[in-house]
PDB file of all heavy atoms in Angstrom:
ATOM      1  N   LEU A   1      -3.068 -49.768 107.101  1.00  0.00           N
ATOM      2  CA  LEU A   1      -3.316 -51.156 106.708  1.00  0.00           C
ATOM      3  C   LEU A   1      -2.037 -51.969 106.754  1.00  0.00           C
ATOM      4  O   LEU A   1      -2.046 -53.130 107.146  1.00  0.00           O
ATOM      5  CB  LEU A   1      -3.905 -51.196 105.303  1.00  0.00           C
ATOM      6  CG  LEU A   1      -5.076 -50.241 105.048  1.00  0.00           C
ATOM      7  CD1 LEU A   1      -5.494 -50.303 103.594  1.00  0.00           C
ATOM      8  CD2 LEU A   1      -6.234 -50.575 105.961  1.00  0.00           C
ATOM      9  N   THR A   2      -0.952 -51.348 106.308  1.00  0.00           N
ATOM     10  CA  THR A   2       0.363 -51.970 106.379  1.00  0.00           C
ATOM     11  C   THR A   2       1.321 -50.973 106.999  1.00  0.00           C
ATOM     12  O   THR A   2       1.123 -49.755 106.919  1.00  0.00           O
ATOM     13  CB  THR A   2       0.875 -52.402 104.989  1.00  0.00           C
ATOM     14  OG1 THR A   2       1.042 -51.238 104.155  1.00  0.00           O
ATOM     15  CG2 THR A   2      -0.101 -53.365 104.320  1.00  0.00           C
ATOM     16  N   HIS A   3       2.351 -51.482 107.643  1.00  0.00           N
ATOM     17  CA  HIS A   3       3.325 -50.643 108.343  1.00  0.00           C
ATOM     18  C   HIS A   3       4.662 -51.365 108.198  1.00  0.00           C
ATOM     19  O   HIS A   3       4.928 -52.339 108.910  1.00  0.00           O
ATOM     20  CB  HIS A   3       2.917 -50.488 109.808  1.00  0.00           C
ATOM     21  CG  HIS A   3       3.755 -49.543 110.605  1.00  0.00           C
ATOM     22  ND1 HIS A   3       3.954 -48.220 110.247  1.00  0.00           N
ATOM     23  CD2 HIS A   3       4.440 -49.727 111.776  1.00  0.00           C
ATOM     24  CE1 HIS A   3       4.708 -47.628 111.153  1.00  0.00           C
ATOM     25  NE2 HIS A   3       5.031 -48.526 112.091  1.00  0.00           N
ATOM     26  N   SER A   4       5.469 -50.904 107.259  1.00  0.00           N
ATOM     27  CA  SER A   4       6.598 -51.697 106.767  1.00  0.00           C
ATOM     28  C   SER A   4       7.932 -51.059 107.128  1.00  0.00           C
ATOM     29  O   SER A   4       8.237 -49.950 106.681  1.00  0.00           O
ATOM     30  CB  SER A   4       6.505 -51.831 105.246  1.00  0.00           C
ATOM     31  OG  SER A   4       5.207 -52.269 104.860  1.00  0.00           O
ATOM     32  N   PRO A   5       8.755 -51.748 107.924  1.00  0.00           N
ATOM     33  CA  PRO A   5      10.084 -51.220 108.232  1.00  0.00           C
ATOM     34  C   PRO A   5      10.901 -51.028 106.958  1.00  0.00           C
ATOM     35  O   PRO A   5      10.869 -51.874 106.052  1.00  0.00           O
ATOM     36  CB  PRO A   5      10.707 -52.304 109.116  1.00  0.00           C
ATOM     37  CG  PRO A   5       9.545 -53.089 109.631  1.00  0.00           C
ATOM     38  CD  PRO A   5       8.513 -53.043 108.558  1.00  0.00           C
ATOM     39  N   ILE A   6      11.622 -49.921 106.908  1.00  0.00           N
ATOM     40  CA  ILE A   6      12.360 -49.606 105.693  1.00  0.00           C
ATOM     41  C   ILE A   6      13.565 -48.756 106.056  1.00  0.00           C
ATOM     42  O   ILE A   6      13.542 -48.001 107.037  1.00  0.00           O
ATOM     43  CB  ILE A   6      11.451 -48.861 104.683  1.00  0.00           C
ATOM     44  CG1 ILE A   6      12.062 -48.861 103.293  1.00  0.00           C
ATOM     45  CG2 ILE A   6      11.115 -47.448 105.149  1.00  0.00           C
ATOM     46  CD1 ILE A   6      11.065 -48.476 102.211  1.00  0.00           C
ATOM     47  N   THR A   7      14.632 -48.906 105.301  1.00  0.00           N
ATOM     48  CA  THR A   7      15.794 -48.038 105.433  1.00  0.00           C
ATOM     49  C   THR A   7      16.023 -47.346 104.109  1.00  0.00           C
ATOM     50  O   THR A   7      16.094 -47.998 103.060  1.00  0.00           O
ATOM     51  CB  THR A   7      17.044 -48.833 105.840  1.00  0.00           C
ATOM     52  OG1 THR A   7      16.818 -49.455 107.107  1.00  0.00           O
ATOM     53  CG2 THR A   7      18.258 -47.913 105.943  1.00  0.00           C
ATOM     54  N   CYS A   8      16.103 -46.040 104.159  1.00  0.00           N
ATOM     55  CA  CYS A   8      16.274 -45.250 102.928  1.00  0.00           C
ATOM     56  C   CYS A   8      17.307 -44.161 103.178  1.00  0.00           C
ATOM     57  O   CYS A   8      17.205 -43.421 104.170  1.00  0.00           O
ATOM     58  CB  CYS A   8      14.941 -44.632 102.507  1.00  0.00           C
ATOM     59  SG  CYS A   8      14.989 -43.737 100.942  1.00  0.00           S
ATOM     60  N   GLN A   9      18.293 -44.100 102.322  1.00  0.00           N
ATOM     61  CA  GLN A   9      19.390 -43.144 102.462  1.00  0.00           C
ATOM     62  C   GLN A   9      19.999 -43.194 103.865  1.00  0.00           C
ATOM     63  O   GLN A   9      20.330 -42.176 104.467  1.00  0.00           O
ATOM     64  CB  GLN A   9      18.920 -41.730 102.109  1.00  0.00           C
ATOM     65  CG  GLN A   9      18.466 -41.604 100.664  1.00  0.00           C
ATOM     66  CD  GLN A   9      18.245 -40.177 100.217  1.00  0.00           C
ATOM     67  OE1 GLN A   9      18.716 -39.235 100.849  1.00  0.00           O
ATOM     68  NE2 GLN A   9      17.550 -40.006  99.099  1.00  0.00           N
ATOM     69  N   GLY A  10      20.114 -44.423 104.390  1.00  0.00           N
ATOM     70  CA  GLY A  10      20.771 -44.651 105.664  1.00  0.00           C
ATOM     71  C   GLY A  10      19.919 -44.406 106.889  1.00  0.00           C
ATOM     72  O   GLY A  10      20.405 -44.563 108.019  1.00  0.00           O
ATOM     73  N   LYS A  11      18.636 -44.046 106.702  1.00  0.00           N
ATOM     74  CA  LYS A  11      17.771 -43.748 107.840  1.00  0.00           C
ATOM     75  C   LYS A  11      16.651 -44.772 107.933  1.00  0.00           C
ATOM     76  O   LYS A  11      16.005 -45.081 106.940  1.00  0.00           O
ATOM     77  CB  LYS A  11      17.187 -42.335 107.710  1.00  0.00           C
ATOM     78  CG  LYS A  11      18.251 -41.241 107.734  1.00  0.00           C
ATOM     79  CD  LYS A  11      17.622 -39.853 107.590  1.00  0.00           C
ATOM     80  CE  LYS A  11      18.695 -38.770 107.621  1.00  0.00           C
ATOM     81  NZ  LYS A  11      18.107 -37.412 107.455  1.00  0.00           N
ATOM     82  N   ALA A  12      16.420 -45.264 109.139  1.00  0.00           N
ATOM     83  CA  ALA A  12      15.357 -46.243 109.363  1.00  0.00           C
ATOM     84  C   ALA A  12      14.022 -45.528 109.515  1.00  0.00           C
ATOM     85  O   ALA A  12      13.921 -44.492 110.167  1.00  0.00           O
ATOM     86  CB  ALA A  12      15.655 -47.056 110.612  1.00  0.00           C
ATOM     87  N   SER A  13      12.995 -46.094 108.904  1.00  0.00           N
ATOM     88  CA  SER A  13      11.666 -45.493 108.974  1.00  0.00           C
ATOM     89  C   SER A  13      10.625 -46.571 108.695  1.00  0.00           C
ATOM     90  O   SER A  13      10.918 -47.774 108.799  1.00  0.00           O
ATOM     91  CB  SER A  13      11.559 -44.327 107.982  1.00  0.00           C
ATOM     92  OG  SER A  13      10.340 -43.638 108.143  1.00  0.00           O
ATOM     93  N   TYR A  14       9.420 -46.124 108.320  1.00  0.00           N
ATOM     94  CA  TYR A  14       8.336 -47.027 107.956  1.00  0.00           C
ATOM     95  C   TYR A  14       7.629 -46.502 106.712  1.00  0.00           C
ATOM     96  O   TYR A  14       7.507 -45.289 106.528  1.00  0.00           O
ATOM     97  CB  TYR A  14       7.311 -47.152 109.083  1.00  0.00           C
ATOM     98  CG  TYR A  14       7.817 -47.914 110.284  1.00  0.00           C
ATOM     99  CD1 TYR A  14       8.481 -47.255 111.311  1.00  0.00           C
ATOM    100  CD2 TYR A  14       7.629 -49.291 110.382  1.00  0.00           C
ATOM    101  CE1 TYR A  14       8.954 -47.952 112.410  1.00  0.00           C
ATOM    102  CE2 TYR A  14       8.097 -49.991 111.476  1.00  0.00           C
ATOM    103  CZ  TYR A  14       8.757 -49.326 112.485  1.00  0.00           C
ATOM    104  OH  TYR A  14       9.221 -50.017 113.570  1.00  0.00           O
ATOM    105  N   ALA A  15       7.155 -47.412 105.886  1.00  0.00           N
ATOM    106  CA  ALA A  15       6.272 -47.086 104.772  1.00  0.00           C
ATOM    107  C   ALA A  15       4.878 -47.595 105.114  1.00  0.00           C
ATOM    108  O   ALA A  15       4.733 -48.708 105.629  1.00  0.00           O
ATOM    109  CB  ALA A  15       6.765 -47.744 103.484  1.00  0.00           C
ATOM    110  N   ASP A  16       3.857 -46.773 104.847  1.00  0.00           N
ATOM    111  CA  ASP A  16       2.497 -47.129 105.241  1.00  0.00           C
ATOM    112  C   ASP A  16       1.533 -47.053 104.062  1.00  0.00           C
ATOM    113  O   ASP A  16       1.618 -46.134 103.236  1.00  0.00           O
ATOM    114  CB  ASP A  16       1.981 -46.178 106.322  1.00  0.00           C
ATOM    115  CG  ASP A  16       2.811 -46.212 107.593  1.00  0.00           C
ATOM    116  OD1 ASP A  16       3.194 -47.320 108.012  1.00  0.00           O
ATOM    117  OD2 ASP A  16       3.078 -45.135 108.160  1.00  0.00           O
ATOM    118  N   SER A  17       0.604 -47.996 103.999  1.00  0.00           N
ATOM    119  CA  SER A  17      -0.605 -47.818 103.207  1.00  0.00           C
ATOM    120  C   SER A  17      -1.717 -47.467 104.177  1.00  0.00           C
ATOM    121  O   SER A  17      -1.694 -47.899 105.337  1.00  0.00           O
ATOM    122  CB  SER A  17      -0.944 -49.075 102.419  1.00  0.00           C
ATOM    123  OG  SER A  17      -1.181 -50.167 103.282  1.00  0.00           O
ATOM    124  N   ALA A  18      -2.685 -46.657 103.716  1.00  0.00           N
ATOM    125  CA  ALA A  18      -3.651 -46.124 104.662  1.00  0.00           C
ATOM    126  C   ALA A  18      -4.994 -45.861 103.999  1.00  0.00           C
ATOM    127  O   ALA A  18      -5.101 -45.731 102.776  1.00  0.00           O
ATOM    128  CB  ALA A  18      -3.121 -44.834 105.295  1.00  0.00           C
ATOM    129  N   TYR A  19      -6.019 -45.765 104.843  1.00  0.00           N
ATOM    130  CA  TYR A  19      -7.390 -45.481 104.409  1.00  0.00           C
ATOM    131  C   TYR A  19      -8.028 -44.550 105.425  1.00  0.00           C
ATOM    132  O   TYR A  19      -7.952 -44.796 106.631  1.00  0.00           O
ATOM    133  CB  TYR A  19      -8.178 -46.786 104.320  1.00  0.00           C
ATOM    134  CG  TYR A  19      -9.669 -46.645 104.121  1.00  0.00           C
ATOM    135  CD1 TYR A  19     -10.211 -46.263 102.899  1.00  0.00           C
ATOM    136  CD2 TYR A  19     -10.550 -46.920 105.176  1.00  0.00           C
ATOM    137  CE1 TYR A  19     -11.588 -46.154 102.728  1.00  0.00           C
ATOM    138  CE2 TYR A  19     -11.928 -46.827 105.009  1.00  0.00           C
ATOM    139  CZ  TYR A  19     -12.443 -46.437 103.784  1.00  0.00           C
ATOM    140  OH  TYR A  19     -13.803 -46.331 103.610  1.00  0.00           O
ATOM    141  N   TYR A  20      -8.606 -43.441 104.925  1.00  0.00           N
ATOM    142  CA  TYR A  20      -9.335 -42.561 105.829  1.00  0.00           C
ATOM    143  C   TYR A  20     -10.675 -42.194 105.223  1.00  0.00           C
ATOM    144  O   TYR A  20     -10.910 -42.371 104.020  1.00  0.00           O
ATOM    145  CB  TYR A  20      -8.518 -41.313 106.189  1.00  0.00           C
ATOM    146  CG  TYR A  20      -8.420 -40.234 105.128  1.00  0.00           C
ATOM    147  CD1 TYR A  20      -9.375 -39.213 105.053  1.00  0.00           C
ATOM    148  CD2 TYR A  20      -7.361 -40.195 104.222  1.00  0.00           C
ATOM    149  CE1 TYR A  20      -9.276 -38.202 104.096  1.00  0.00           C
ATOM    150  CE2 TYR A  20      -7.252 -39.190 103.277  1.00  0.00           C
ATOM    151  CZ  TYR A  20      -8.216 -38.196 103.220  1.00  0.00           C
ATOM    152  OH  TYR A  20      -8.113 -37.200 102.281  1.00  0.00           O
ATOM    153  N   THR A  21     -11.590 -41.711 106.065  1.00  0.00           N
ATOM    154  CA  THR A  21     -12.909 -41.309 105.603  1.00  0.00           C
ATOM    155  C   THR A  21     -13.234 -39.910 106.109  1.00  0.00           C
ATOM    156  O   THR A  21     -12.650 -39.427 107.093  1.00  0.00           O
ATOM    157  CB  THR A  21     -13.993 -42.298 106.072  1.00  0.00           C
ATOM    158  OG1 THR A  21     -13.882 -42.518 107.485  1.00  0.00           O
ATOM    159  CG2 THR A  21     -13.833 -43.631 105.359  1.00  0.00           C
ATOM    160  N   VAL A  22     -14.168 -39.246 105.415  1.00  0.00           N
ATOM    161  CA  VAL A  22     -14.535 -37.864 105.719  1.00  0.00           C
ATOM    162  C   VAL A  22     -16.052 -37.779 105.885  1.00  0.00           C
ATOM    163  O   VAL A  22     -16.782 -38.705 105.513  1.00  0.00           O
ATOM    164  CB  VAL A  22     -14.050 -36.905 104.607  1.00  0.00           C
ATOM    165  CG1 VAL A  22     -12.528 -36.881 104.549  1.00  0.00           C
ATOM    166  CG2 VAL A  22     -14.633 -37.290 103.246  1.00  0.00           C
ATOM    167  N   PRO A  23     -16.568 -36.671 106.441  1.00  0.00           N
ATOM    168  CA  PRO A  23     -18.005 -36.564 106.701  1.00  0.00           C
ATOM    169  C   PRO A  23     -18.906 -36.759 105.489  1.00  0.00           C
ATOM    170  O   PRO A  23     -20.059 -37.197 105.634  1.00  0.00           O
ATOM    171  CB  PRO A  23     -18.139 -35.148 107.275  1.00  0.00           C
ATOM    172  CG  PRO A  23     -16.833 -34.895 107.952  1.00  0.00           C
ATOM    173  CD  PRO A  23     -15.817 -35.554 107.071  1.00  0.00           C
ATOM    174  N   SER A  24     -18.431 -36.466 104.287  1.00  0.00           N
ATOM    175  CA  SER A  24     -19.255 -36.676 103.093  1.00  0.00           C
ATOM    176  C   SER A  24     -19.514 -38.151 102.831  1.00  0.00           C
ATOM    177  O   SER A  24     -20.380 -38.500 102.020  1.00  0.00           O
ATOM    178  CB  SER A  24     -18.569 -36.071 101.863  1.00  0.00           C
ATOM    179  OG  SER A  24     -17.412 -36.825 101.513  1.00  0.00           O
ATOM    180  N   GLY A  25     -18.764 -39.020 103.481  1.00  0.00           N
ATOM    181  CA  GLY A  25     -18.849 -40.450 103.239  1.00  0.00           C
ATOM    182  C   GLY A  25     -17.759 -40.971 102.339  1.00  0.00           C
ATOM    183  O   GLY A  25     -17.596 -42.192 102.199  1.00  0.00           O
ATOM    184  N   ALA A  26     -17.004 -40.080 101.727  1.00  0.00           N
ATOM    185  CA  ALA A  26     -15.946 -40.523 100.820  1.00  0.00           C
ATOM    186  C   ALA A  26     -14.850 -41.248 101.578  1.00  0.00           C
ATOM    187  O   ALA A  26     -14.512 -40.897 102.721  1.00  0.00           O
ATOM    188  CB  ALA A  26     -15.356 -39.333 100.069  1.00  0.00           C
ATOM    189  N   GLY A  27     -14.275 -42.247 100.923  1.00  0.00           N
ATOM    190  CA  GLY A  27     -13.108 -42.939 101.437  1.00  0.00           C
ATOM    191  C   GLY A  27     -11.903 -42.609 100.578  1.00  0.00           C
ATOM    192  O   GLY A  27     -12.037 -42.395  99.361  1.00  0.00           O
ATOM    193  N   VAL A  28     -10.736 -42.543 101.199  1.00  0.00           N
ATOM    194  CA  VAL A  28      -9.491 -42.247 100.489  1.00  0.00           C
ATOM    195  C   VAL A  28      -8.477 -43.334 100.831  1.00  0.00           C
ATOM    196  O   VAL A  28      -8.181 -43.578 102.009  1.00  0.00           O
ATOM    197  CB  VAL A  28      -8.939 -40.864 100.867  1.00  0.00           C
ATOM    198  CG1 VAL A  28      -7.639 -40.580 100.111  1.00  0.00           C
ATOM    199  CG2 VAL A  28      -9.975 -39.770 100.582  1.00  0.00           C
ATOM    200  N   PHE A  29      -7.962 -43.982  99.795  1.00  0.00           N
ATOM    201  CA  PHE A  29      -6.994 -45.075  99.962  1.00  0.00           C
ATOM    202  C   PHE A  29      -5.687 -44.690  99.297  1.00  0.00           C
ATOM    203  O   PHE A  29      -5.674 -44.156  98.176  1.00  0.00           O
ATOM    204  CB  PHE A  29      -7.545 -46.349  99.322  1.00  0.00           C
ATOM    205  CG  PHE A  29      -6.547 -47.470  99.209  1.00  0.00           C
ATOM    206  CD1 PHE A  29      -5.989 -48.038 100.343  1.00  0.00           C
ATOM    207  CD2 PHE A  29      -6.165 -47.959  97.960  1.00  0.00           C
ATOM    208  CE1 PHE A  29      -5.061 -49.078 100.238  1.00  0.00           C
ATOM    209  CE2 PHE A  29      -5.245 -48.995  97.848  1.00  0.00           C
ATOM    210  CZ  PHE A  29      -4.699 -49.559  98.999  1.00  0.00           C
ATOM    211  N   ALA A  30      -4.576 -44.951  99.974  1.00  0.00           N
ATOM    212  CA  ALA A  30      -3.252 -44.717  99.410  1.00  0.00           C
ATOM    213  C   ALA A  30      -2.376 -45.933  99.667  1.00  0.00           C
ATOM    214  O   ALA A  30      -2.281 -46.407 100.807  1.00  0.00           O
ATOM    215  CB  ALA A  30      -2.609 -43.469 100.026  1.00  0.00           C
ATOM    216  N   THR A  31      -1.736 -46.439  98.617  1.00  0.00           N
ATOM    217  CA  THR A  31      -0.884 -47.616  98.766  1.00  0.00           C
ATOM    218  C   THR A  31       0.424 -47.290  99.462  1.00  0.00           C
ATOM    219  O   THR A  31       1.032 -48.159 100.081  1.00  0.00           O
ATOM    220  CB  THR A  31      -0.557 -48.245  97.408  1.00  0.00           C
ATOM    221  OG1 THR A  31       0.325 -47.369  96.669  1.00  0.00           O
ATOM    222  CG2 THR A  31      -1.817 -48.523  96.605  1.00  0.00           C
ATOM    223  N   GLY A  32       0.921 -46.051  99.303  1.00  0.00           N
ATOM    224  CA  GLY A  32       2.176 -45.650  99.917  1.00  0.00           C
ATOM    225  C   GLY A  32       3.412 -46.176  99.225  1.00  0.00           C
ATOM    226  O   GLY A  32       4.520 -46.038  99.747  1.00  0.00           O
ATOM    227  N   THR A  33       3.259 -46.755  98.036  1.00  0.00           N
ATOM    228  CA  THR A  33       4.414 -47.292  97.310  1.00  0.00           C
ATOM    229  C   THR A  33       4.236 -47.099  95.813  1.00  0.00           C
ATOM    230  O   THR A  33       3.125 -47.212  95.288  1.00  0.00           O
ATOM    231  CB  THR A  33       4.629 -48.785  97.613  1.00  0.00           C
ATOM    232  OG1 THR A  33       5.658 -49.306  96.745  1.00  0.00           O
ATOM    233  CG2 THR A  33       3.356 -49.593  97.381  1.00  0.00           C
ATOM    234  N   MET A  34       5.324 -46.861  95.135  1.00  0.00           N
ATOM    235  CA  MET A  34       5.278 -46.656  93.695  1.00  0.00           C
ATOM    236  C   MET A  34       5.284 -47.973  92.928  1.00  0.00           C
ATOM    237  O   MET A  34       5.074 -47.993  91.715  1.00  0.00           O
ATOM    238  CB  MET A  34       6.471 -45.793  93.266  1.00  0.00           C
ATOM    239  CG  MET A  34       6.316 -45.124  91.933  1.00  0.00           C
ATOM    240  SD  MET A  34       7.638 -43.932  91.644  1.00  0.00           S
ATOM    241  CE  MET A  34       7.083 -42.601  92.695  1.00  0.00           C
ATOM    242  N   ARG A  35       5.495 -49.078  93.608  1.00  0.00           N
ATOM    243  CA  ARG A  35       5.613 -50.354  92.918  1.00  0.00           C
ATOM    244  C   ARG A  35       4.271 -51.092  92.794  1.00  0.00           C
ATOM    245  O   ARG A  35       4.208 -52.176  92.230  1.00  0.00           O
ATOM    246  CB  ARG A  35       6.648 -51.225  93.639  1.00  0.00           C
ATOM    247  CG  ARG A  35       7.304 -52.264  92.750  1.00  0.00           C
ATOM    248  CD  ARG A  35       8.507 -52.888  93.429  1.00  0.00           C
ATOM    249  NE  ARG A  35       9.677 -52.036  93.329  1.00  0.00           N
ATOM    250  CZ  ARG A  35      10.682 -52.029  94.201  1.00  0.00           C
ATOM    251  NH1 ARG A  35      10.645 -52.828  95.242  1.00  0.00           N
ATOM    252  NH2 ARG A  35      11.705 -51.227  94.019  1.00  0.00           N
ATOM    253  N   TRP A  36       3.209 -50.505  93.292  1.00  0.00           N
ATOM    254  CA  TRP A  36       1.906 -51.167  93.286  1.00  0.00           C
ATOM    255  C   TRP A  36       1.419 -51.443  91.866  1.00  0.00           C
ATOM    256  O   TRP A  36       0.870 -52.511  91.575  1.00  0.00           O
ATOM    257  CB  TRP A  36       0.901 -50.294  94.024  1.00  0.00           C
ATOM    258  CG  TRP A  36      -0.371 -50.963  94.414  1.00  0.00           C
ATOM    259  CD1 TRP A  36      -1.527 -51.019  93.698  1.00  0.00           C
ATOM    260  CD2 TRP A  36      -0.632 -51.673  95.638  1.00  0.00           C
ATOM    261  NE1 TRP A  36      -2.510 -51.699  94.384  1.00  0.00           N
ATOM    262  CE2 TRP A  36      -1.971 -52.118  95.588  1.00  0.00           C
ATOM    263  CE3 TRP A  36       0.128 -51.965  96.758  1.00  0.00           C
ATOM    264  CZ2 TRP A  36      -2.557 -52.837  96.625  1.00  0.00           C
ATOM    265  CZ3 TRP A  36      -0.449 -52.682  97.797  1.00  0.00           C
ATOM    266  CH2 TRP A  36      -1.781 -53.118  97.716  1.00  0.00           C
ATOM    267  N   ASN A  37       1.610 -50.493  90.957  1.00  0.00           N
ATOM    268  CA  ASN A  37       1.118 -50.653  89.584  1.00  0.00           C
ATOM    269  C   ASN A  37       1.645 -51.919  88.936  1.00  0.00           C
ATOM    270  O   ASN A  37       0.886 -52.680  88.336  1.00  0.00           O
ATOM    271  CB  ASN A  37       1.505 -49.430  88.743  1.00  0.00           C
ATOM    272  CG  ASN A  37       1.216 -49.629  87.270  1.00  0.00           C
ATOM    273  OD1 ASN A  37       0.070 -49.640  86.834  1.00  0.00           O
ATOM    274  ND2 ASN A  37       2.277 -49.803  86.481  1.00  0.00           N
ATOM    275  N   CYS A  38       2.929 -52.173  89.063  1.00  0.00           N
ATOM    276  CA  CYS A  38       3.458 -53.345  88.368  1.00  0.00           C
ATOM    277  C   CYS A  38       3.148 -54.640  89.097  1.00  0.00           C
ATOM    278  O   CYS A  38       3.360 -55.725  88.563  1.00  0.00           O
ATOM    279  CB  CYS A  38       4.944 -53.221  88.060  1.00  0.00           C
ATOM    280  SG  CYS A  38       6.024 -52.940  89.442  1.00  0.00           S
ATOM    281  N   ALA A  39       2.559 -54.561  90.297  1.00  0.00           N
ATOM    282  CA  ALA A  39       2.064 -55.767  90.954  1.00  0.00           C
ATOM    283  C   ALA A  39       0.691 -56.175  90.413  1.00  0.00           C
ATOM    284  O   ALA A  39       0.248 -57.302  90.650  1.00  0.00           O
ATOM    285  CB  ALA A  39       1.962 -55.540  92.458  1.00  0.00           C
ATOM    286  N   LEU A  40       0.038 -55.288  89.684  1.00  0.00           N
ATOM    287  CA  LEU A  40      -1.338 -55.548  89.275  1.00  0.00           C
ATOM    288  C   LEU A  40      -1.451 -56.404  88.026  1.00  0.00           C
ATOM    289  O   LEU A  40      -2.554 -56.818  87.661  1.00  0.00           O
ATOM    290  CB  LEU A  40      -2.089 -54.226  89.080  1.00  0.00           C
ATOM    291  CG  LEU A  40      -2.283 -53.418  90.362  1.00  0.00           C
ATOM    292  CD1 LEU A  40      -3.107 -52.180  90.089  1.00  0.00           C
ATOM    293  CD2 LEU A  40      -2.926 -54.260  91.463  1.00  0.00           C
ATOM    294  N   VAL A  41      -0.354 -56.661  87.356  1.00  0.00           N
ATOM    295  CA  VAL A  41      -0.344 -57.603  86.249  1.00  0.00           C
ATOM    296  C   VAL A  41       0.721 -58.645  86.533  1.00  0.00           C
ATOM    297  O   VAL A  41       1.869 -58.309  86.818  1.00  0.00           O
ATOM    298  CB  VAL A  41      -0.080 -56.904  84.902  1.00  0.00           C
ATOM    299  CG1 VAL A  41       0.059 -57.921  83.790  1.00  0.00           C
ATOM    300  CG2 VAL A  41      -1.229 -55.955  84.572  1.00  0.00           C
TER     301      VAL A  41
END
C-alpha cells in the first residue's frame, strides 16, 4: 500500500505497509511502522 524510502544505520532501503489474503478469505494487514499507534489519537 505504501513504499517509503528510508535510510537506517547508513543503509538505504524501503519501509512497506501491506495487505495479503489467504484461501480461507482472511485478510492480513500490516502497517510496517511502530509509529502508527500514536497517529491514531
